[in-house]
N, C-alpha and C. Protein backbone atom coordinates (compact mmCIF):
# COMPACT_ATOMS: atom_id res chain seq x y z
N MET A 1 18.34 32.41 -18.20
CA MET A 1 18.61 31.78 -16.43
C MET A 1 17.28 31.50 -15.82
N LEU A 2 16.46 32.46 -15.84
CA LEU A 2 15.17 32.28 -15.00
C LEU A 2 14.31 31.18 -15.58
N ARG A 3 14.75 30.85 -17.29
CA ARG A 3 13.55 30.06 -17.73
C ARG A 3 14.52 28.45 -17.14
N PHE A 4 15.36 28.37 -16.95
CA PHE A 4 16.33 27.16 -16.50
C PHE A 4 15.59 26.83 -15.04
N ASN A 5 15.63 27.87 -14.22
CA ASN A 5 14.97 27.66 -12.87
C ASN A 5 13.78 27.43 -12.76
N THR A 6 12.72 27.87 -13.59
CA THR A 6 11.42 27.83 -13.29
C THR A 6 10.92 26.26 -14.10
N LEU A 7 12.23 25.65 -15.21
CA LEU A 7 12.13 24.20 -15.62
C LEU A 7 12.36 23.32 -14.92
N MET A 8 13.61 23.36 -13.83
CA MET A 8 14.15 22.44 -12.44
C MET A 8 12.93 23.30 -11.75
N THR A 9 12.52 23.62 -11.21
CA THR A 9 11.70 23.77 -10.37
C THR A 9 9.99 22.87 -10.72
N LEU A 10 9.48 23.23 -11.77
CA LEU A 10 8.79 22.31 -12.61
C LEU A 10 9.31 20.73 -12.25
N SER A 11 10.22 20.29 -12.77
CA SER A 11 10.81 18.96 -12.94
C SER A 11 10.84 18.26 -11.77
N ALA A 12 10.81 19.17 -10.70
CA ALA A 12 11.57 18.18 -9.00
C ALA A 12 9.81 18.41 -8.49
N ALA A 13 8.92 19.36 -8.94
CA ALA A 13 7.77 19.14 -8.47
C ALA A 13 7.10 17.65 -9.17
N LEU A 14 7.31 17.50 -10.37
CA LEU A 14 7.05 16.74 -11.32
C LEU A 14 7.41 15.25 -10.62
N LEU A 15 8.74 14.96 -9.94
CA LEU A 15 9.11 14.16 -9.63
C LEU A 15 8.92 13.77 -8.40
N LEU A 16 8.09 14.61 -7.42
CA LEU A 16 8.23 14.40 -6.38
C LEU A 16 6.65 14.43 -6.02
N SER A 17 5.83 14.45 -6.78
CA SER A 17 4.66 13.98 -6.99
C SER A 17 4.83 12.71 -7.58
N PHE A 18 5.36 12.33 -8.51
CA PHE A 18 5.42 10.61 -8.95
C PHE A 18 5.88 10.10 -7.53
N ALA A 19 6.61 10.38 -6.98
CA ALA A 19 7.21 9.55 -5.93
C ALA A 19 6.55 9.40 -4.87
N ALA A 20 5.37 10.33 -4.62
CA ALA A 20 4.64 10.67 -3.33
C ALA A 20 3.41 10.02 -4.08
N ALA A 21 3.25 9.08 -5.15
CA ALA A 21 2.07 8.35 -5.56
C ALA A 21 1.80 7.02 -5.72
N HIS A 22 1.93 6.43 -4.53
CA HIS A 22 2.11 5.04 -5.13
C HIS A 22 1.21 4.45 -3.78
N ALA A 23 1.22 2.99 -3.70
CA ALA A 23 0.28 2.26 -2.94
C ALA A 23 1.30 2.48 -1.69
N THR A 24 0.79 3.20 -0.35
CA THR A 24 1.21 2.83 1.01
C THR A 24 0.47 2.48 2.41
N VAL A 25 1.46 2.03 2.92
CA VAL A 25 0.50 1.31 4.34
C VAL A 25 0.84 2.31 5.26
N ARG A 26 -0.12 2.87 6.07
CA ARG A 26 0.30 3.83 7.22
C ARG A 26 -0.49 3.06 8.49
N THR A 27 0.01 3.43 9.76
CA THR A 27 -0.89 3.60 10.35
C THR A 27 -2.38 4.73 10.84
N GLU A 28 -3.39 4.40 11.62
CA GLU A 28 -4.66 4.93 11.03
C GLU A 28 -4.27 6.16 11.05
N THR A 29 -3.51 6.75 12.16
CA THR A 29 -3.03 8.39 12.38
C THR A 29 -2.02 8.84 11.08
N GLY A 30 -1.41 7.98 10.06
CA GLY A 30 -0.63 8.32 8.92
C GLY A 30 0.87 8.22 9.39
N LEU A 31 1.02 7.50 10.36
CA LEU A 31 2.78 7.20 11.21
C LEU A 31 3.34 6.02 9.93
N THR A 32 4.06 5.79 9.95
CA THR A 32 5.20 5.02 9.30
C THR A 32 5.92 4.26 10.57
N GLU A 33 5.50 4.26 11.97
CA GLU A 33 6.20 3.74 12.93
C GLU A 33 5.22 3.11 14.03
N SER A 34 4.85 2.08 14.67
CA SER A 34 4.58 1.53 15.62
C SER A 34 5.46 0.56 16.30
N LYS A 35 4.84 0.11 17.45
CA LYS A 35 5.32 -0.54 18.37
C LYS A 35 5.18 -1.84 18.33
N ALA A 36 6.53 -2.67 18.60
CA ALA A 36 6.16 -4.11 18.75
C ALA A 36 5.31 -4.68 19.56
N GLY A 37 4.68 -5.83 18.84
CA GLY A 37 3.75 -6.82 19.77
C GLY A 37 1.96 -6.11 19.97
N VAL A 38 2.24 -4.86 19.60
CA VAL A 38 0.59 -4.07 19.61
C VAL A 38 -0.89 -4.66 18.55
N SER A 39 -1.69 -4.15 18.88
CA SER A 39 -2.40 -4.46 17.75
C SER A 39 -2.58 -2.86 17.22
N GLU A 40 -2.57 -2.91 16.16
CA GLU A 40 -2.83 -1.49 15.38
C GLU A 40 -3.67 -1.65 14.37
N THR A 41 -4.37 -0.31 14.20
CA THR A 41 -5.00 -0.40 13.26
C THR A 41 -4.24 0.46 12.20
N TYR A 42 -3.86 -0.32 10.85
CA TYR A 42 -3.49 0.19 9.23
C TYR A 42 -4.73 1.00 8.59
N ARG A 43 -4.41 1.47 7.52
CA ARG A 43 -4.59 1.54 6.15
C ARG A 43 -3.55 1.84 4.98
N LEU A 44 -4.50 1.04 4.05
CA LEU A 44 -3.61 1.17 2.56
C LEU A 44 -4.31 1.96 2.10
N ASN A 45 -3.21 2.92 1.22
CA ASN A 45 -3.89 3.99 0.38
C ASN A 45 -3.32 3.69 -0.69
N VAL A 46 -4.41 3.30 -1.85
CA VAL A 46 -4.07 3.06 -3.85
C VAL A 46 -4.66 4.14 -4.34
N PRO A 47 -3.89 4.94 -4.66
CA PRO A 47 -4.13 5.32 -5.94
C PRO A 47 -4.10 5.01 -7.13
N THR A 48 -5.22 5.20 -7.95
CA THR A 48 -5.18 4.83 -9.39
C THR A 48 -4.06 6.51 -10.18
N GLU A 49 -3.42 5.58 -11.00
CA GLU A 49 -2.28 6.32 -11.76
C GLU A 49 -2.33 6.15 -13.15
N LYS A 50 -2.74 5.45 -13.53
CA LYS A 50 -3.20 5.53 -15.38
C LYS A 50 -4.47 6.13 -15.63
N GLU A 51 -4.76 5.93 -17.16
CA GLU A 51 -5.99 6.84 -17.27
C GLU A 51 -7.30 5.50 -17.39
N ILE A 52 -7.00 4.44 -16.62
CA ILE A 52 -7.72 2.97 -17.09
C ILE A 52 -8.25 2.87 -15.37
N PRO A 53 -8.84 2.08 -14.93
CA PRO A 53 -9.41 1.61 -13.23
C PRO A 53 -8.81 0.43 -12.79
N THR A 54 -7.97 0.80 -11.63
CA THR A 54 -7.79 -0.01 -10.38
C THR A 54 -9.04 -0.97 -10.77
N THR A 55 -8.60 -2.05 -10.84
CA THR A 55 -9.66 -3.46 -10.50
C THR A 55 -9.67 -4.37 -9.24
N ALA A 56 -7.85 -4.58 -9.05
CA ALA A 56 -7.90 -5.26 -8.04
C ALA A 56 -6.62 -4.82 -7.05
N VAL A 57 -6.42 -5.15 -5.28
CA VAL A 57 -5.51 -4.52 -5.00
C VAL A 57 -4.80 -5.80 -4.42
N ARG A 58 -3.77 -6.45 -4.28
CA ARG A 58 -3.12 -7.59 -3.25
C ARG A 58 -2.69 -7.11 -2.57
N LEU A 59 -2.28 -7.34 -0.98
CA LEU A 59 -1.27 -6.83 0.15
C LEU A 59 -0.81 -8.46 0.23
N VAL A 60 0.23 -8.82 0.35
CA VAL A 60 1.17 -9.73 0.52
C VAL A 60 1.32 -9.11 2.46
N VAL A 61 0.97 -10.10 3.26
CA VAL A 61 1.16 -10.08 4.73
C VAL A 61 2.79 -10.26 5.22
N PRO A 62 3.17 -9.29 5.63
CA PRO A 62 4.68 -9.52 6.47
C PRO A 62 4.87 -10.35 7.28
N ALA A 63 5.66 -11.09 7.29
CA ALA A 63 6.06 -11.96 8.60
C ALA A 63 5.91 -11.16 9.86
N GLY A 64 5.43 -11.81 10.50
CA GLY A 64 5.57 -11.99 11.60
C GLY A 64 3.87 -10.61 12.35
N VAL A 65 3.44 -10.43 11.36
CA VAL A 65 2.33 -9.44 11.20
C VAL A 65 0.88 -10.38 11.25
N THR A 66 0.02 -10.37 12.15
CA THR A 66 -1.28 -11.30 12.18
C THR A 66 -2.30 -10.09 11.75
N ILE A 67 -3.12 -10.61 10.94
CA ILE A 67 -4.13 -9.47 10.30
C ILE A 67 -5.37 -10.67 10.85
N THR A 68 -5.95 -9.49 12.09
CA THR A 68 -7.12 -10.25 12.63
C THR A 68 -8.77 -9.75 12.36
N ARG A 69 -8.61 -8.25 11.94
CA ARG A 69 -10.07 -8.00 11.38
C ARG A 69 -10.06 -7.02 10.14
N PHE A 70 -11.01 -6.82 9.62
CA PHE A 70 -10.96 -5.84 8.36
C PHE A 70 -12.24 -4.65 8.56
N GLN A 71 -12.06 -3.48 7.96
CA GLN A 71 -13.06 -2.59 7.67
C GLN A 71 -13.95 -3.02 6.42
N VAL A 72 -15.21 -2.84 6.31
CA VAL A 72 -16.18 -3.32 5.16
C VAL A 72 -15.86 -1.87 4.18
N LEU A 73 -15.26 -2.17 2.91
CA LEU A 73 -15.55 -1.37 2.21
C LEU A 73 -16.69 -1.28 1.10
N PRO A 74 -17.68 -0.44 1.30
CA PRO A 74 -18.51 -0.80 -0.24
C PRO A 74 -18.31 -0.86 -1.62
N GLY A 75 -18.38 -1.64 -2.10
CA GLY A 75 -18.59 -1.81 -3.59
C GLY A 75 -17.33 -2.58 -3.75
N PHE A 76 -16.47 -3.35 -2.73
CA PHE A 76 -15.45 -3.91 -2.92
C PHE A 76 -15.60 -5.76 -2.28
N THR A 77 -15.00 -6.61 -2.96
CA THR A 77 -15.32 -7.50 -2.26
C THR A 77 -13.74 -8.27 -2.09
N ARG A 78 -13.87 -8.88 -1.05
CA ARG A 78 -12.55 -9.47 0.08
C ARG A 78 -12.28 -10.91 0.20
N SER A 79 -10.88 -11.18 -0.48
CA SER A 79 -10.64 -12.91 -0.03
C SER A 79 -9.42 -12.58 0.45
N VAL A 80 -8.82 -13.92 0.62
CA VAL A 80 -7.89 -13.74 1.78
C VAL A 80 -6.95 -15.20 1.48
N VAL A 81 -6.23 -15.58 1.80
CA VAL A 81 -5.48 -16.83 1.70
C VAL A 81 -4.81 -16.77 3.09
N LYS A 82 -5.00 -18.34 3.81
CA LYS A 82 -4.31 -18.11 4.80
C LYS A 82 -3.22 -19.59 4.64
N ASN A 83 -2.52 -18.97 6.06
CA ASN A 83 -1.08 -20.51 5.60
C ASN A 83 -1.96 -22.13 6.70
N ALA A 84 -1.15 -22.92 6.67
CA ALA A 84 -1.49 -23.79 7.22
C ALA A 84 -2.07 -23.98 9.21
N ASP A 85 -1.60 -22.79 9.75
CA ASP A 85 -1.69 -22.03 11.04
C ASP A 85 -3.11 -21.41 10.96
N GLY A 86 -3.88 -20.93 9.74
CA GLY A 86 -5.00 -20.30 9.88
C GLY A 86 -4.58 -18.72 9.58
N LEU A 87 -3.30 -18.44 9.68
CA LEU A 87 -3.23 -17.08 9.65
C LEU A 87 -3.05 -16.53 8.68
N ILE A 88 -3.63 -15.51 8.15
CA ILE A 88 -3.86 -14.41 6.63
C ILE A 88 -2.55 -14.31 6.29
N THR A 89 -1.99 -14.24 5.07
CA THR A 89 -0.88 -14.64 4.61
C THR A 89 -1.21 -13.71 2.91
N GLU A 90 -2.36 -13.75 2.50
CA GLU A 90 -2.55 -12.36 1.50
C GLU A 90 -4.12 -11.97 1.89
N VAL A 91 -4.28 -11.08 1.25
CA VAL A 91 -5.39 -10.33 1.43
C VAL A 91 -6.29 -9.51 -0.63
N THR A 92 -7.09 -9.89 -1.31
CA THR A 92 -7.39 -9.05 -2.39
C THR A 92 -8.52 -8.74 -2.23
N TRP A 93 -8.48 -7.40 -2.45
CA TRP A 93 -10.13 -6.45 -2.82
C TRP A 93 -10.46 -6.65 -4.42
N ARG A 94 -11.32 -6.77 -4.36
CA ARG A 94 -12.04 -6.98 -5.79
C ARG A 94 -12.92 -5.63 -5.61
N GLY A 95 -12.17 -4.46 -7.06
CA GLY A 95 -13.50 -3.36 -7.03
C GLY A 95 -12.97 -2.83 -8.10
N ARG A 96 -13.40 -1.75 -8.50
CA ARG A 96 -13.48 -0.11 -8.58
C ARG A 96 -13.04 1.12 -8.54
N VAL A 97 -11.63 1.43 -8.98
CA VAL A 97 -11.31 2.85 -8.51
C VAL A 97 -10.79 3.55 -9.49
N ALA A 98 -11.50 4.02 -10.16
CA ALA A 98 -11.27 5.03 -11.74
C ALA A 98 -10.00 6.21 -11.47
N PRO A 99 -9.66 6.48 -12.64
CA PRO A 99 -8.59 7.09 -13.02
C PRO A 99 -8.91 8.81 -12.08
N GLN A 100 -7.91 9.09 -11.28
CA GLN A 100 -7.84 10.47 -10.66
C GLN A 100 -8.86 10.17 -9.27
N GLU A 101 -9.08 8.97 -8.70
CA GLU A 101 -9.38 8.51 -7.59
C GLU A 101 -8.46 7.43 -6.94
N TYR A 102 -8.66 7.32 -5.53
CA TYR A 102 -8.03 6.41 -4.58
C TYR A 102 -8.77 5.61 -4.07
N ALA A 103 -8.36 4.55 -3.30
CA ALA A 103 -9.36 3.98 -2.03
C ALA A 103 -8.30 3.62 -1.06
N ARG A 104 -8.94 3.45 0.23
CA ARG A 104 -8.18 3.24 1.19
C ARG A 104 -9.21 2.21 2.00
N PHE A 105 -8.11 1.26 1.94
CA PHE A 105 -8.37 -0.08 3.07
C PHE A 105 -7.86 -0.45 4.34
N PHE A 106 -8.74 -0.47 5.12
CA PHE A 106 -8.41 -0.38 6.91
C PHE A 106 -8.57 -1.78 7.36
N PHE A 107 -7.54 -2.13 7.84
CA PHE A 107 -7.62 -3.38 8.74
C PHE A 107 -6.24 -3.15 9.87
N GLN A 108 -6.59 -4.46 11.09
CA GLN A 108 -6.63 -4.37 12.21
C GLN A 108 -5.14 -5.15 11.97
N ALA A 109 -4.42 -5.46 12.58
CA ALA A 109 -3.25 -6.42 12.85
C ALA A 109 -2.33 -6.26 13.91
N ARG A 110 -1.51 -7.36 14.29
CA ARG A 110 -0.88 -7.32 15.60
C ARG A 110 0.86 -7.43 15.21
N ASN A 111 1.58 -6.63 15.56
CA ASN A 111 2.98 -6.43 15.15
C ASN A 111 3.58 -7.29 15.18
N PRO A 112 4.67 -7.44 14.74
CA PRO A 112 5.66 -8.41 15.51
C PRO A 112 6.15 -8.33 16.44
N ALA A 113 6.59 -9.13 17.33
CA ALA A 113 7.04 -9.01 18.84
C ALA A 113 8.18 -8.38 19.01
N GLN A 114 9.23 -8.58 17.88
CA GLN A 114 10.20 -8.00 17.55
C GLN A 114 10.70 -6.68 17.00
N PRO A 115 11.56 -6.12 17.65
CA PRO A 115 11.63 -4.35 16.68
C PRO A 115 12.31 -5.18 15.48
N GLY A 116 11.92 -3.90 13.86
CA GLY A 116 12.57 -3.78 13.03
C GLY A 116 11.71 -3.16 12.15
N GLU A 117 11.93 -3.84 10.74
CA GLU A 117 11.43 -3.09 9.76
C GLU A 117 10.11 -4.15 9.32
N VAL A 118 9.14 -3.60 8.31
CA VAL A 118 8.34 -4.54 8.45
C VAL A 118 7.90 -3.90 6.50
N ALA A 119 7.88 -4.69 5.87
CA ALA A 119 7.88 -4.03 4.36
C ALA A 119 6.47 -4.91 3.90
N TRP A 120 5.61 -3.96 3.19
CA TRP A 120 4.38 -4.36 2.73
C TRP A 120 4.58 -4.32 1.36
N LYS A 121 4.30 -5.39 0.82
CA LYS A 121 4.21 -5.60 -0.72
C LYS A 121 2.74 -5.75 -1.20
N VAL A 122 2.73 -4.85 -2.30
CA VAL A 122 1.14 -4.41 -2.68
C VAL A 122 1.05 -4.68 -4.11
N TYR A 123 -0.01 -5.46 -4.94
CA TYR A 123 -0.23 -5.30 -6.30
C TYR A 123 -1.37 -4.87 -6.77
N GLN A 124 -1.06 -4.18 -7.51
CA GLN A 124 -2.31 -3.63 -7.95
C GLN A 124 -2.53 -3.72 -9.38
N THR A 125 -3.71 -3.98 -9.37
CA THR A 125 -4.30 -4.63 -10.71
C THR A 125 -4.84 -3.47 -11.67
N TYR A 126 -4.90 -3.38 -12.74
CA TYR A 126 -5.69 -2.69 -13.66
C TYR A 126 -6.59 -2.95 -14.53
N ALA A 127 -7.34 -2.41 -15.15
CA ALA A 127 -8.72 -2.80 -15.99
C ALA A 127 -8.03 -3.48 -17.34
N ASP A 128 -6.71 -3.02 -17.67
CA ASP A 128 -5.94 -3.61 -18.61
C ASP A 128 -5.34 -4.97 -18.42
N GLY A 129 -5.44 -5.33 -17.14
CA GLY A 129 -4.64 -6.93 -16.73
C GLY A 129 -3.63 -6.37 -16.22
N SER A 130 -2.63 -5.06 -16.44
CA SER A 130 -1.30 -5.00 -16.36
C SER A 130 -1.54 -4.97 -14.56
N VAL A 131 -0.03 -5.15 -13.72
CA VAL A 131 -0.19 -4.81 -12.35
C VAL A 131 1.42 -4.25 -12.38
N VAL A 132 0.83 -3.59 -11.46
CA VAL A 132 1.95 -2.85 -11.03
C VAL A 132 2.35 -3.32 -9.60
N ALA A 133 3.93 -3.53 -9.32
CA ALA A 133 4.35 -3.96 -8.11
C ALA A 133 5.21 -3.44 -7.09
N TRP A 134 4.26 -3.03 -6.10
CA TRP A 134 5.06 -2.16 -4.82
C TRP A 134 5.42 -2.65 -4.27
N ASP A 135 6.73 -3.49 -4.72
CA ASP A 135 7.37 -4.54 -3.81
C ASP A 135 8.54 -4.69 -3.56
N ASP A 136 9.11 -3.15 -4.26
CA ASP A 136 10.60 -2.83 -4.07
C ASP A 136 11.76 -4.16 -5.16
N THR A 137 10.79 -4.25 -6.43
CA THR A 137 11.29 -4.96 -7.30
C THR A 137 12.22 -3.72 -7.80
N ASN A 138 11.74 -2.45 -7.88
CA ASN A 138 12.39 -1.76 -8.24
C ASN A 138 12.26 -0.50 -7.26
N PRO A 139 12.91 -0.23 -6.25
CA PRO A 139 12.68 0.16 -5.30
C PRO A 139 12.68 2.01 -5.79
N GLU A 140 13.74 2.37 -6.92
CA GLU A 140 13.36 3.69 -7.36
C GLU A 140 12.11 4.29 -7.81
N GLN A 141 11.57 3.37 -8.26
CA GLN A 141 10.12 3.35 -8.93
C GLN A 141 9.06 2.66 -8.35
N THR A 142 9.08 1.56 -7.58
CA THR A 142 8.12 0.71 -7.40
C THR A 142 8.41 0.11 -5.70
N PRO A 143 8.27 1.54 -4.90
CA PRO A 143 8.95 0.95 -3.62
C PRO A 143 7.90 0.12 -3.05
N ALA A 144 7.72 -0.69 -1.98
CA ALA A 144 6.97 -1.17 -0.97
C ALA A 144 7.12 -0.20 0.11
N SER A 145 6.01 -0.33 0.78
CA SER A 145 5.54 0.60 1.83
C SER A 145 6.74 0.27 3.13
N LYS A 146 6.81 0.80 4.08
CA LYS A 146 7.92 -0.10 5.32
C LYS A 146 7.20 0.70 6.55
N THR A 147 7.08 0.10 7.57
CA THR A 147 6.76 0.82 8.98
C THR A 147 7.58 0.02 9.77
N THR A 148 8.10 1.24 10.76
CA THR A 148 9.46 0.93 11.57
C THR A 148 8.63 -0.04 12.83
N VAL A 149 8.71 -1.05 13.75
CA VAL A 149 7.88 -1.56 14.53
C VAL A 149 9.53 -1.38 15.60
N LYS A 150 8.86 -0.75 16.70
CA LYS A 150 10.02 -0.20 17.88
C LYS A 150 10.04 -0.64 19.11
C-alpha cells in the first residue's frame, strides 16, 4: 500500500508540473485579473519544455486589447502585424531559449473597455520547426492563458 501511495503522489506531482509548465500571460505582478479600460504591464512567460531550443514565440493579441509598447529583450528581435487601423494584432519574438530555460517578454497594453475574459493565444516554435499552440485547441494539454477583466 505504501508503494501505491508513493506512486500516486509522484504521478500527481508529475502531472502538476506538466500542467504548470506552459506559456502564460500574467500582469507584471503575476495576477490573472485586471481592470477594464486601464493600461497594464503584462509578462509573457515561455519555458522551453523540449530538449531543443525555442526559436520563436508568436502572440496573437486578443480582440479589445491594444498593445502600446514593449520592453527590450536582448538577444531577441521583434516583429509586429498591424490591422488597417494601425493596431497590433500579432507580435513575434525571435531568438533562442535553451532547454531548461525560459524567457519573459514584457509589454504594455490597454485592456478592453468591457469586463470579460481575455484569452491569449501563444505559438511556440522550436529549433526543429515544430510548433506548440497554447491556444485552447487542446485545453487539457495546451491551454490558452486567460485574464479576467473586471
